[in-house]
């Protein structure tokens, strides 16, 4: 749904970097270069960013009855 606050593998705080990452990728920066610029060097943190799908808007369409 939303990006986790900490990396599952190493417990590094990563949530504050999500918007910056999206801005860089939207501006045309390569994903590898964007992750390098944000200081995400561990494979667990990089996998978290590359594998994340933001579904918050999709789920918000459905109401609990």
N, C-alpha and C. Protein backbone atom coordinates (compact mmCIF):
# COMPACT_ATOMS: atom_id res chain seq x y z
N UNK A 1 0.83 -1.18 0.00
CA UNK A 1 0.00 0.00 0.00
C UNK A 1 0.88 1.25 0.00
N UNK A 2 1.53 1.53 1.12
CA UNK A 2 2.45 2.66 1.19
C UNK A 2 3.84 2.11 1.51
N UNK A 3 4.83 2.88 1.22
CA UNK A 3 6.20 2.43 1.43
C UNK A 3 6.44 2.21 2.92
N UNK A 4 7.09 1.12 3.31
CA UNK A 4 7.36 0.88 4.73
C UNK A 4 8.30 1.94 5.30
N UNK A 5 8.18 2.19 6.58
CA UNK A 5 9.02 3.20 7.22
C UNK A 5 10.48 2.76 7.23
N UNK A 6 10.71 1.48 7.49
CA UNK A 6 12.07 0.94 7.54
C UNK A 6 12.21 -0.22 6.57
N UNK A 7 13.43 -0.44 6.12
CA UNK A 7 13.72 -1.57 5.26
C UNK A 7 13.52 -2.86 6.03
N UNK A 8 12.93 -3.86 5.38
CA UNK A 8 12.68 -5.13 6.04
C UNK A 8 13.97 -5.89 6.35
N UNK A 9 14.98 -5.71 5.54
CA UNK A 9 16.21 -6.48 5.71
C UNK A 9 17.19 -5.90 6.70
N UNK A 10 17.41 -4.58 6.64
CA UNK A 10 18.46 -3.97 7.45
C UNK A 10 17.95 -2.94 8.46
N UNK A 11 16.67 -2.65 8.43
CA UNK A 11 16.02 -1.69 9.35
C UNK A 11 16.47 -0.25 9.16
N UNK A 12 17.02 0.08 7.99
CA UNK A 12 17.38 1.46 7.70
C UNK A 12 16.10 2.24 7.40
N UNK A 13 15.93 3.46 7.94
CA UNK A 13 14.75 4.26 7.61
C UNK A 13 14.79 4.68 6.14
N UNK A 14 13.73 4.37 5.39
CA UNK A 14 13.72 4.65 3.96
C UNK A 14 12.49 5.43 3.49
N UNK A 15 11.47 5.56 4.32
CA UNK A 15 10.21 6.17 3.89
C UNK A 15 10.39 7.62 3.44
N UNK A 16 11.29 8.36 4.05
CA UNK A 16 11.47 9.76 3.71
C UNK A 16 12.09 9.94 2.32
N UNK A 17 12.63 8.88 1.75
CA UNK A 17 13.28 8.96 0.44
C UNK A 17 12.33 8.64 -0.71
N UNK A 18 11.14 8.12 -0.43
CA UNK A 18 10.23 7.65 -1.46
C UNK A 18 9.81 8.77 -2.43
N UNK A 19 9.40 9.92 -1.92
CA UNK A 19 8.95 11.01 -2.78
C UNK A 19 10.10 11.55 -3.63
N UNK A 20 11.28 11.66 -3.04
CA UNK A 20 12.45 12.13 -3.80
C UNK A 20 12.76 11.16 -4.93
N UNK A 21 12.65 9.87 -4.64
CA UNK A 21 12.90 8.84 -5.66
C UNK A 21 11.89 8.97 -6.80
N UNK A 22 10.62 9.11 -6.48
CA UNK A 22 9.59 9.26 -7.51
C UNK A 22 9.80 10.50 -8.36
N UNK A 23 10.22 11.60 -7.73
CA UNK A 23 10.48 12.84 -8.47
C UNK A 23 11.63 12.65 -9.45
N UNK A 24 12.69 11.99 -9.00
CA UNK A 24 13.85 11.77 -9.87
C UNK A 24 13.51 10.87 -11.05
N UNK A 25 12.74 9.81 -10.80
CA UNK A 25 12.36 8.89 -11.87
C UNK A 25 11.40 9.57 -12.85
N UNK A 26 10.48 10.39 -12.33
CA UNK A 26 9.55 11.11 -13.20
C UNK A 26 10.28 12.14 -14.06
N UNK A 27 11.39 12.68 -13.55
CA UNK A 27 12.17 13.66 -14.30
C UNK A 27 13.04 13.01 -15.37
N UNK A 28 13.07 11.66 -15.40
CA UNK A 28 13.81 10.98 -16.44
C UNK A 28 15.13 10.38 -16.00
N UNK A 29 15.44 10.47 -14.72
CA UNK A 29 16.67 9.88 -14.21
C UNK A 29 16.55 8.36 -14.21
N UNK A 30 17.62 7.68 -14.55
CA UNK A 30 17.65 6.23 -14.50
C UNK A 30 17.42 5.76 -13.07
N UNK A 31 16.70 4.65 -12.89
CA UNK A 31 16.37 4.17 -11.54
C UNK A 31 17.63 3.85 -10.74
N UNK A 32 18.61 3.25 -11.39
CA UNK A 32 19.86 2.92 -10.71
C UNK A 32 20.56 4.18 -10.21
N UNK A 33 20.61 5.19 -11.05
CA UNK A 33 21.27 6.44 -10.68
C UNK A 33 20.50 7.14 -9.56
N UNK A 34 19.16 7.11 -9.61
CA UNK A 34 18.35 7.73 -8.57
C UNK A 34 18.59 7.06 -7.22
N UNK A 35 18.67 5.73 -7.20
CA UNK A 35 18.94 5.02 -5.96
C UNK A 35 20.34 5.34 -5.43
N UNK A 36 21.31 5.44 -6.33
CA UNK A 36 22.67 5.79 -5.93
C UNK A 36 22.72 7.19 -5.32
N UNK A 37 22.02 8.14 -5.94
CA UNK A 37 22.02 9.52 -5.45
C UNK A 37 21.35 9.64 -4.08
N UNK A 38 20.37 8.79 -3.82
CA UNK A 38 19.68 8.82 -2.53
C UNK A 38 20.45 8.08 -1.44
N UNK A 39 21.52 7.39 -1.80
CA UNK A 39 22.36 6.71 -0.83
C UNK A 39 21.88 5.32 -0.47
N UNK A 40 21.04 4.73 -1.32
CA UNK A 40 20.58 3.37 -1.08
C UNK A 40 21.54 2.40 -1.75
N UNK A 41 22.44 1.84 -0.97
CA UNK A 41 23.49 0.99 -1.52
C UNK A 41 23.24 -0.49 -1.27
N UNK A 42 22.49 -0.81 -0.23
CA UNK A 42 22.23 -2.22 0.10
C UNK A 42 21.17 -2.80 -0.83
N UNK A 43 21.33 -4.05 -1.18
CA UNK A 43 20.40 -4.68 -2.11
C UNK A 43 18.99 -4.79 -1.53
N UNK A 44 18.88 -4.91 -0.20
CA UNK A 44 17.55 -5.04 0.41
C UNK A 44 16.77 -3.73 0.28
N UNK A 45 17.41 -2.61 0.47
CA UNK A 45 16.75 -1.31 0.34
C UNK A 45 16.39 -1.03 -1.12
N UNK A 46 17.30 -1.37 -2.02
CA UNK A 46 17.05 -1.16 -3.44
C UNK A 46 15.89 -2.01 -3.92
N UNK A 47 15.82 -3.26 -3.46
CA UNK A 47 14.73 -4.15 -3.85
C UNK A 47 13.39 -3.64 -3.32
N UNK A 48 13.41 -3.05 -2.15
CA UNK A 48 12.19 -2.49 -1.57
C UNK A 48 11.64 -1.38 -2.46
N UNK A 49 12.51 -0.51 -2.95
CA UNK A 49 12.08 0.59 -3.81
C UNK A 49 11.67 0.10 -5.19
N UNK A 50 12.44 -0.81 -5.77
CA UNK A 50 12.16 -1.26 -7.11
C UNK A 50 10.91 -2.15 -7.18
N UNK A 51 10.61 -2.86 -6.11
CA UNK A 51 9.48 -3.78 -6.11
C UNK A 51 8.20 -3.20 -5.56
N UNK A 52 8.24 -1.96 -5.07
CA UNK A 52 7.06 -1.37 -4.44
C UNK A 52 6.08 -0.86 -5.49
N UNK A 53 4.80 -1.17 -5.29
CA UNK A 53 3.72 -0.66 -6.14
C UNK A 53 2.78 0.12 -5.24
N UNK A 54 2.59 1.39 -5.53
CA UNK A 54 1.75 2.24 -4.69
C UNK A 54 0.29 2.02 -5.03
N UNK A 55 -0.44 1.37 -4.14
CA UNK A 55 -1.84 1.04 -4.36
C UNK A 55 -2.80 1.86 -3.50
N UNK A 56 -2.33 2.89 -2.85
CA UNK A 56 -3.16 3.66 -1.93
C UNK A 56 -4.38 4.25 -2.64
N UNK A 57 -4.20 4.81 -3.82
CA UNK A 57 -5.33 5.41 -4.55
C UNK A 57 -6.31 4.35 -5.03
N UNK A 58 -5.81 3.21 -5.44
CA UNK A 58 -6.67 2.12 -5.91
C UNK A 58 -7.54 1.58 -4.78
N UNK A 59 -6.94 1.37 -3.63
CA UNK A 59 -7.68 0.83 -2.50
C UNK A 59 -8.66 1.86 -1.93
N UNK A 60 -8.34 3.12 -2.04
CA UNK A 60 -9.21 4.17 -1.50
C UNK A 60 -10.55 4.22 -2.22
N UNK A 61 -10.65 3.66 -3.42
CA UNK A 61 -11.92 3.66 -4.17
C UNK A 61 -12.96 2.77 -3.51
N UNK A 62 -12.52 1.76 -2.79
CA UNK A 62 -13.44 0.79 -2.19
C UNK A 62 -13.75 1.19 -0.75
N UNK A 63 -15.02 1.14 -0.42
CA UNK A 63 -15.45 1.50 0.92
C UNK A 63 -15.81 0.25 1.70
N UNK A 64 -15.56 0.31 2.96
CA UNK A 64 -15.93 -0.79 3.84
C UNK A 64 -17.43 -0.67 4.13
N UNK A 65 -18.17 -1.76 3.93
CA UNK A 65 -19.62 -1.67 4.16
C UNK A 65 -20.06 -2.24 5.46
